Amino acid sequence: MPYPATVTKIRVIPASYTELARRRFSRPKKISVLLKGDKPEVREFSLTDNEDVFQELAIGANNIYEVSIVINEVYPGVKFPDQAGFQEVQIMTAPEAEIVGPGGGPKSAESDANPVEETRKLLEKVQQTATARNP
């Protein structure tokens, strides 16, 4: 993905390989999407139990330079319950004129944090803020 970018939506399809057998792998049910940009945020989505079609997640966020997806819950009743994921993820962006990394330079993979831990910390912060506002 060119970055920073305007992410319009994300399209996901669960790992399925239905030609071999349906419900082989756990299908994501609830996910968190971490959007890193000017102001990092986490969005939560519930997915339908469908192995055959893309599901679209409306995003509409500007100046995003990294997207992470964390699977929080899966649908039960599969042959291989410890295997969950996506067959394909498409990050749809608005057209950009120039490809640059955060801060104007190339992005370094070495500086990447653990996206699962980062998402959990951000979710905790959001929950703490909500609790403080509504005691």
N, C-alpha and C. Protein backbone atom coordinates (compact mmCIF):
# COMPACT_ATOMS: atom_id res chain seq x y z
N MET A 1 0.85 -1.17 0.00
CA MET A 1 0.00 0.00 0.00
C MET A 1 0.90 1.23 0.00
N PRO A 2 0.61 2.17 -0.88
CA PRO A 2 1.36 3.44 -0.81
C PRO A 2 0.98 4.14 0.49
N TYR A 3 1.93 4.82 1.10
CA TYR A 3 1.59 5.46 2.35
C TYR A 3 2.30 6.77 2.49
N PRO A 4 1.77 7.73 3.22
CA PRO A 4 0.44 7.61 3.83
C PRO A 4 -0.64 7.59 2.76
N ALA A 5 -1.76 6.94 3.05
CA ALA A 5 -2.82 6.76 2.07
C ALA A 5 -4.17 6.97 2.73
N THR A 6 -5.16 7.23 1.89
CA THR A 6 -6.54 7.26 2.34
C THR A 6 -7.09 5.86 2.12
N VAL A 7 -7.39 5.16 3.21
CA VAL A 7 -7.95 3.81 3.13
C VAL A 7 -9.47 3.96 3.09
N THR A 8 -10.06 3.57 1.97
CA THR A 8 -11.51 3.71 1.82
C THR A 8 -12.25 2.53 2.42
N LYS A 9 -11.74 1.31 2.17
CA LYS A 9 -12.36 0.11 2.72
C LYS A 9 -11.36 -1.04 2.68
N ILE A 10 -11.69 -2.10 3.41
CA ILE A 10 -10.90 -3.33 3.40
C ILE A 10 -11.86 -4.45 3.02
N ARG A 11 -11.41 -5.32 2.11
CA ARG A 11 -12.20 -6.48 1.69
C ARG A 11 -11.48 -7.73 2.18
N VAL A 12 -12.21 -8.62 2.87
CA VAL A 12 -11.60 -9.84 3.41
C VAL A 12 -12.44 -11.05 3.02
N ILE A 13 -11.75 -12.18 2.84
CA ILE A 13 -12.43 -13.46 2.65
C ILE A 13 -11.71 -14.46 3.54
N PRO A 14 -12.44 -15.23 4.36
CA PRO A 14 -11.78 -16.16 5.29
C PRO A 14 -11.02 -17.25 4.55
N ALA A 15 -10.00 -17.79 5.20
CA ALA A 15 -9.28 -18.95 4.65
C ALA A 15 -10.27 -20.09 4.58
N SER A 16 -10.43 -20.66 3.39
CA SER A 16 -11.47 -21.69 3.28
C SER A 16 -11.05 -22.89 2.45
N TYR A 17 -10.61 -22.67 1.23
CA TYR A 17 -10.28 -23.78 0.33
C TYR A 17 -11.46 -24.74 0.26
N THR A 18 -12.63 -24.20 -0.07
CA THR A 18 -13.87 -24.97 -0.08
C THR A 18 -13.86 -26.11 -1.09
N GLU A 19 -12.96 -26.06 -2.06
CA GLU A 19 -12.90 -27.16 -3.03
C GLU A 19 -12.43 -28.46 -2.36
N LEU A 20 -11.74 -28.37 -1.23
CA LEU A 20 -11.30 -29.56 -0.50
C LEU A 20 -12.34 -30.02 0.52
N ALA A 21 -12.94 -29.09 1.19
CA ALA A 21 -14.02 -29.39 2.16
C ALA A 21 -14.42 -28.09 2.84
N ARG A 22 -15.67 -27.93 3.09
CA ARG A 22 -16.14 -26.73 3.78
C ARG A 22 -15.83 -26.84 5.28
N ARG A 23 -15.70 -25.67 5.88
CA ARG A 23 -15.47 -25.55 7.33
C ARG A 23 -14.24 -26.32 7.80
N ARG A 24 -13.19 -26.25 6.99
CA ARG A 24 -11.91 -26.88 7.38
C ARG A 24 -11.20 -26.03 8.42
N PHE A 25 -11.22 -24.71 8.22
CA PHE A 25 -10.47 -23.79 9.08
C PHE A 25 -11.44 -22.88 9.83
N SER A 26 -11.00 -22.37 10.98
CA SER A 26 -11.82 -21.42 11.73
C SER A 26 -12.01 -20.15 10.91
N ARG A 27 -13.24 -19.68 10.88
CA ARG A 27 -13.54 -18.45 10.17
C ARG A 27 -13.60 -17.30 11.17
N PRO A 28 -12.93 -16.20 10.88
CA PRO A 28 -12.97 -15.05 11.80
C PRO A 28 -14.40 -14.56 12.00
N LYS A 29 -14.75 -14.32 13.26
CA LYS A 29 -16.08 -13.83 13.61
C LYS A 29 -16.00 -12.36 14.04
N LYS A 30 -15.08 -12.06 14.95
CA LYS A 30 -14.89 -10.68 15.41
C LYS A 30 -13.42 -10.32 15.24
N ILE A 31 -13.19 -9.17 14.63
CA ILE A 31 -11.82 -8.72 14.39
C ILE A 31 -11.65 -7.27 14.83
N SER A 32 -10.40 -6.91 15.09
CA SER A 32 -10.04 -5.52 15.34
C SER A 32 -9.09 -5.11 14.23
N VAL A 33 -9.31 -3.91 13.70
CA VAL A 33 -8.44 -3.36 12.66
C VAL A 33 -7.73 -2.17 13.26
N LEU A 34 -6.39 -2.27 13.33
CA LEU A 34 -5.57 -1.18 13.84
C LEU A 34 -5.14 -0.33 12.65
N LEU A 35 -5.50 0.95 12.68
CA LEU A 35 -5.14 1.91 11.63
C LEU A 35 -4.09 2.85 12.21
N LYS A 36 -2.87 2.76 11.69
CA LYS A 36 -1.81 3.65 12.15
C LYS A 36 -1.71 4.82 11.18
N GLY A 37 -1.75 5.99 11.75
CA GLY A 37 -1.67 7.20 10.95
C GLY A 37 -1.39 8.37 11.86
N ASP A 38 -1.91 9.54 11.47
CA ASP A 38 -1.72 10.73 12.30
C ASP A 38 -2.24 10.49 13.72
N LYS A 39 -3.36 9.79 13.81
CA LYS A 39 -3.95 9.45 15.11
C LYS A 39 -4.34 7.98 15.06
N PRO A 40 -3.55 7.08 15.67
CA PRO A 40 -3.87 5.65 15.61
C PRO A 40 -5.24 5.36 16.20
N GLU A 41 -5.95 4.45 15.58
CA GLU A 41 -7.25 4.06 16.11
C GLU A 41 -7.51 2.59 15.81
N VAL A 42 -8.42 2.01 16.59
CA VAL A 42 -8.83 0.63 16.41
C VAL A 42 -10.32 0.62 16.10
N ARG A 43 -10.67 -0.15 15.09
CA ARG A 43 -12.08 -0.32 14.75
C ARG A 43 -12.41 -1.80 14.87
N GLU A 44 -13.58 -2.08 15.38
CA GLU A 44 -13.98 -3.47 15.57
C GLU A 44 -15.09 -3.82 14.59
N PHE A 45 -15.01 -5.05 14.07
CA PHE A 45 -15.98 -5.52 13.09
C PHE A 45 -16.43 -6.93 13.44
N SER A 46 -17.68 -7.24 13.12
CA SER A 46 -18.21 -8.59 13.21
C SER A 46 -18.42 -9.07 11.78
N LEU A 47 -17.88 -10.25 11.48
CA LEU A 47 -17.99 -10.81 10.14
C LEU A 47 -19.05 -11.89 10.11
N THR A 48 -19.69 -12.07 8.96
CA THR A 48 -20.66 -13.15 8.81
C THR A 48 -19.93 -14.46 8.57
N ASP A 49 -20.60 -15.56 8.84
CA ASP A 49 -20.01 -16.88 8.67
C ASP A 49 -20.19 -17.33 7.22
N ASN A 50 -19.39 -16.76 6.34
CA ASN A 50 -19.51 -17.06 4.92
C ASN A 50 -18.12 -17.24 4.32
N GLU A 51 -17.85 -18.41 3.80
CA GLU A 51 -16.54 -18.71 3.23
C GLU A 51 -16.42 -18.36 1.75
N ASP A 52 -17.53 -17.97 1.13
CA ASP A 52 -17.56 -17.87 -0.33
C ASP A 52 -17.41 -16.47 -0.91
N VAL A 53 -17.59 -15.44 -0.13
CA VAL A 53 -17.59 -14.08 -0.69
C VAL A 53 -16.73 -13.14 0.15
N PHE A 54 -16.29 -12.07 -0.50
CA PHE A 54 -15.59 -11.00 0.21
C PHE A 54 -16.58 -10.28 1.10
N GLN A 55 -16.10 -9.85 2.26
CA GLN A 55 -16.88 -8.99 3.13
C GLN A 55 -16.16 -7.64 3.17
N GLU A 56 -16.93 -6.58 3.03
CA GLU A 56 -16.34 -5.24 2.97
C GLU A 56 -16.46 -4.55 4.32
N LEU A 57 -15.34 -3.96 4.75
CA LEU A 57 -15.27 -3.21 6.00
C LEU A 57 -15.08 -1.74 5.63
N ALA A 58 -16.06 -0.91 5.93
CA ALA A 58 -15.96 0.52 5.63
C ALA A 58 -14.93 1.15 6.56
N ILE A 59 -13.97 1.86 5.99
CA ILE A 59 -12.90 2.49 6.79
C ILE A 59 -12.97 4.01 6.68
N GLY A 60 -12.67 4.58 5.52
CA GLY A 60 -12.75 6.03 5.33
C GLY A 60 -11.82 6.81 6.23
N ALA A 61 -10.52 6.44 6.26
CA ALA A 61 -9.55 7.13 7.11
C ALA A 61 -8.41 7.67 6.26
N ASN A 62 -7.94 8.86 6.60
CA ASN A 62 -6.86 9.52 5.85
C ASN A 62 -5.50 9.34 6.52
N ASN A 63 -4.45 9.50 5.74
CA ASN A 63 -3.07 9.48 6.22
C ASN A 63 -2.72 8.21 6.99
N ILE A 64 -3.12 7.07 6.49
CA ILE A 64 -2.83 5.78 7.12
C ILE A 64 -1.57 5.21 6.48
N TYR A 65 -0.64 4.75 7.31
CA TYR A 65 0.59 4.16 6.77
C TYR A 65 0.76 2.69 7.15
N GLU A 66 -0.12 2.16 8.01
CA GLU A 66 -0.04 0.74 8.36
C GLU A 66 -1.40 0.25 8.83
N VAL A 67 -1.76 -0.96 8.40
CA VAL A 67 -3.01 -1.59 8.79
C VAL A 67 -2.69 -2.96 9.36
N SER A 68 -3.23 -3.26 10.53
CA SER A 68 -3.06 -4.59 11.13
C SER A 68 -4.45 -5.13 11.46
N ILE A 69 -4.62 -6.44 11.28
CA ILE A 69 -5.90 -7.10 11.58
C ILE A 69 -5.64 -8.16 12.64
N VAL A 70 -6.41 -8.09 13.73
CA VAL A 70 -6.30 -9.06 14.82
C VAL A 70 -7.63 -9.82 14.90
N ILE A 71 -7.54 -11.15 14.88
CA ILE A 71 -8.73 -11.99 15.01
C ILE A 71 -8.99 -12.21 16.50
N ASN A 72 -10.14 -11.73 16.96
CA ASN A 72 -10.49 -11.82 18.38
C ASN A 72 -11.36 -13.03 18.71
N GLU A 73 -12.17 -13.45 17.75
CA GLU A 73 -13.08 -14.57 17.98
C GLU A 73 -13.33 -15.27 16.65
N VAL A 74 -13.54 -16.60 16.70
CA VAL A 74 -13.79 -17.36 15.48
C VAL A 74 -15.10 -18.14 15.63
N TYR A 75 -15.66 -18.52 14.49
CA TYR A 75 -16.85 -19.37 14.49
C TYR A 75 -16.45 -20.80 14.84
N PRO A 76 -17.26 -21.50 15.62
CA PRO A 76 -16.93 -22.87 16.03
C PRO A 76 -17.29 -23.89 14.94
N GLY A 77 -16.93 -25.15 15.19
CA GLY A 77 -17.35 -26.25 14.36
C GLY A 77 -16.54 -26.44 13.10
N VAL A 78 -15.23 -26.62 13.25
CA VAL A 78 -14.38 -26.80 12.09
C VAL A 78 -13.47 -28.01 12.29
N LYS A 79 -12.90 -28.46 11.21
CA LYS A 79 -12.01 -29.61 11.26
C LYS A 79 -10.67 -29.27 11.92
N PHE A 80 -10.13 -28.09 11.61
CA PHE A 80 -8.85 -27.65 12.17
C PHE A 80 -9.06 -26.36 12.97
N PRO A 81 -9.49 -26.44 14.23
CA PRO A 81 -9.85 -25.24 15.00
C PRO A 81 -8.68 -24.31 15.31
N ASP A 82 -7.46 -24.82 15.29
CA ASP A 82 -6.31 -23.97 15.61
C ASP A 82 -5.80 -23.18 14.41
N GLN A 83 -6.44 -23.34 13.27
CA GLN A 83 -6.02 -22.63 12.06
C GLN A 83 -7.10 -21.66 11.64
N ALA A 84 -6.77 -20.38 11.72
CA ALA A 84 -7.72 -19.33 11.34
C ALA A 84 -6.97 -18.26 10.58
N GLY A 85 -7.66 -17.60 9.71
CA GLY A 85 -7.02 -16.52 8.97
C GLY A 85 -7.86 -16.11 7.78
N PHE A 86 -7.20 -15.43 6.86
CA PHE A 86 -7.88 -14.94 5.67
C PHE A 86 -7.22 -15.53 4.44
N GLN A 87 -8.04 -15.86 3.48
CA GLN A 87 -7.53 -16.32 2.20
C GLN A 87 -7.01 -15.13 1.40
N GLU A 88 -7.71 -14.00 1.56
CA GLU A 88 -7.29 -12.79 0.86
C GLU A 88 -7.75 -11.57 1.63
N VAL A 89 -6.90 -10.53 1.63
CA VAL A 89 -7.22 -9.24 2.21
C VAL A 89 -6.87 -8.19 1.17
N GLN A 90 -7.81 -7.33 0.86
CA GLN A 90 -7.58 -6.24 -0.08
C GLN A 90 -7.78 -4.92 0.65
N ILE A 91 -6.77 -4.07 0.61
CA ILE A 91 -6.87 -2.74 1.22
C ILE A 91 -7.09 -1.76 0.08
N MET A 92 -8.26 -1.18 0.06
CA MET A 92 -8.64 -0.27 -1.02
C MET A 92 -8.29 1.16 -0.61
N THR A 93 -7.55 1.83 -1.49
CA THR A 93 -7.10 3.19 -1.18
C THR A 93 -7.53 4.15 -2.27
N ALA A 94 -7.58 5.41 -1.91
CA ALA A 94 -7.83 6.46 -2.89
C ALA A 94 -6.54 6.68 -3.67
N PRO A 95 -6.63 7.13 -4.92
CA PRO A 95 -5.41 7.37 -5.71
C PRO A 95 -4.48 8.37 -5.02
N GLU A 96 -3.20 8.05 -5.01
CA GLU A 96 -2.19 8.93 -4.41
C GLU A 96 -1.19 9.32 -5.49
N ALA A 97 -0.63 10.50 -5.36
CA ALA A 97 0.32 10.97 -6.37
C ALA A 97 1.74 10.48 -6.11
N GLU A 98 2.08 10.24 -4.86
CA GLU A 98 3.46 9.92 -4.52
C GLU A 98 3.50 8.86 -3.42
N ILE A 99 4.47 7.95 -3.51
CA ILE A 99 4.62 6.90 -2.50
C ILE A 99 5.78 7.27 -1.59
N VAL A 100 5.46 7.49 -0.31
CA VAL A 100 6.49 7.81 0.68
C VAL A 100 6.18 7.08 1.97
N GLY A 101 7.18 6.94 2.81
CA GLY A 101 6.98 6.31 4.11
C GLY A 101 6.59 7.35 5.14
N PRO A 102 6.28 6.92 6.36
CA PRO A 102 5.96 7.86 7.42
C PRO A 102 7.12 8.83 7.64
N GLY A 103 6.82 10.09 7.77
CA GLY A 103 7.87 11.08 7.95
C GLY A 103 8.57 11.42 6.64
N GLY A 104 8.07 10.93 5.51
CA GLY A 104 8.64 11.27 4.22
C GLY A 104 9.72 10.34 3.73
N GLY A 105 10.15 9.36 4.53
CA GLY A 105 11.21 8.44 4.12
C GLY A 105 10.70 7.04 3.93
N PRO A 106 11.58 6.11 3.57
CA PRO A 106 11.15 4.72 3.39
C PRO A 106 10.79 4.09 4.74
N LYS A 107 9.85 3.17 4.71
CA LYS A 107 9.41 2.49 5.93
C LYS A 107 10.39 1.39 6.29
N SER A 108 10.70 1.27 7.57
CA SER A 108 11.64 0.25 8.03
C SER A 108 10.88 -0.85 8.75
N ALA A 109 11.01 -2.08 8.27
CA ALA A 109 10.36 -3.22 8.92
C ALA A 109 10.94 -3.48 10.31
N GLU A 110 12.19 -3.10 10.52
CA GLU A 110 12.83 -3.34 11.81
C GLU A 110 12.18 -2.54 12.93
N SER A 111 11.55 -1.41 12.58
CA SER A 111 10.96 -0.56 13.62
C SER A 111 9.52 -0.95 13.94
N ASP A 112 8.97 -1.95 13.24
CA ASP A 112 7.59 -2.36 13.46
C ASP A 112 7.43 -3.00 14.83
N ALA A 113 6.36 -2.62 15.50
CA ALA A 113 6.02 -3.23 16.78
C ALA A 113 5.15 -4.45 16.53
N ASN A 114 4.86 -5.18 17.58
CA ASN A 114 3.97 -6.33 17.49
C ASN A 114 2.54 -5.80 17.34
N PRO A 115 1.88 -6.00 16.17
CA PRO A 115 0.57 -5.40 15.97
C PRO A 115 -0.50 -5.93 16.91
N VAL A 116 -0.40 -7.18 17.33
CA VAL A 116 -1.40 -7.73 18.26
C VAL A 116 -1.30 -7.02 19.60
N GLU A 117 -0.10 -6.91 20.14
CA GLU A 117 0.08 -6.21 21.42
C GLU A 117 -0.29 -4.74 21.30
N GLU A 118 0.09 -4.13 20.20
CA GLU A 118 -0.22 -2.72 20.00
C GLU A 118 -1.73 -2.49 19.94
N THR A 119 -2.45 -3.39 19.27
CA THR A 119 -3.90 -3.28 19.17
C THR A 119 -4.54 -3.48 20.54
N ARG A 120 -4.07 -4.46 21.29
CA ARG A 120 -4.62 -4.70 22.63
C ARG A 120 -4.42 -3.48 23.53
N LYS A 121 -3.24 -2.88 23.48
CA LYS A 121 -2.97 -1.70 24.31
C LYS A 121 -3.89 -0.54 23.92
N LEU A 122 -4.08 -0.35 22.60
CA LEU A 122 -4.94 0.73 22.14
C LEU A 122 -6.39 0.46 22.53
N LEU A 123 -6.84 -0.79 22.43
CA LEU A 123 -8.20 -1.15 22.86
C LEU A 123 -8.38 -0.89 24.35
N GLU A 124 -7.39 -1.24 25.18
CA GLU A 124 -7.47 -0.98 26.62
C GLU A 124 -7.58 0.51 26.89
N LYS A 125 -6.82 1.30 26.16
CA LYS A 125 -6.86 2.75 26.34
C LYS A 125 -8.24 3.31 25.99
N VAL A 126 -8.82 2.81 24.88
CA VAL A 126 -10.15 3.25 24.46
C VAL A 126 -11.19 2.86 25.52
N GLN A 127 -11.09 1.63 26.06
CA GLN A 127 -12.03 1.17 27.07
C GLN A 127 -11.89 1.98 28.37
N GLN A 128 -10.65 2.30 28.75
CA GLN A 128 -10.43 3.11 29.95
C GLN A 128 -11.03 4.50 29.79
N THR A 129 -10.87 5.07 28.60
CA THR A 129 -11.42 6.41 28.33
C THR A 129 -12.94 6.36 28.40
N ALA A 130 -13.54 5.31 27.82
CA ALA A 130 -15.00 5.18 27.84
C ALA A 130 -15.51 5.00 29.27
N THR A 131 -14.79 4.21 30.07
CA THR A 131 -15.18 3.99 31.47
C THR A 131 -15.07 5.28 32.26
N ALA A 132 -14.03 6.06 32.02
CA ALA A 132 -13.84 7.32 32.73
C ALA A 132 -14.95 8.31 32.39
N ARG A 133 -15.44 8.28 31.14
CA ARG A 133 -16.50 9.21 30.74
C ARG A 133 -17.87 8.77 31.25
N ASN A 134 -18.06 7.46 31.39
CA ASN A 134 -19.34 6.91 31.82
C ASN A 134 -19.15 5.99 33.03
N PRO A 135 -18.89 6.55 34.19
CA PRO A 135 -18.62 5.72 35.38
C PRO A 135 -19.78 4.90 35.82
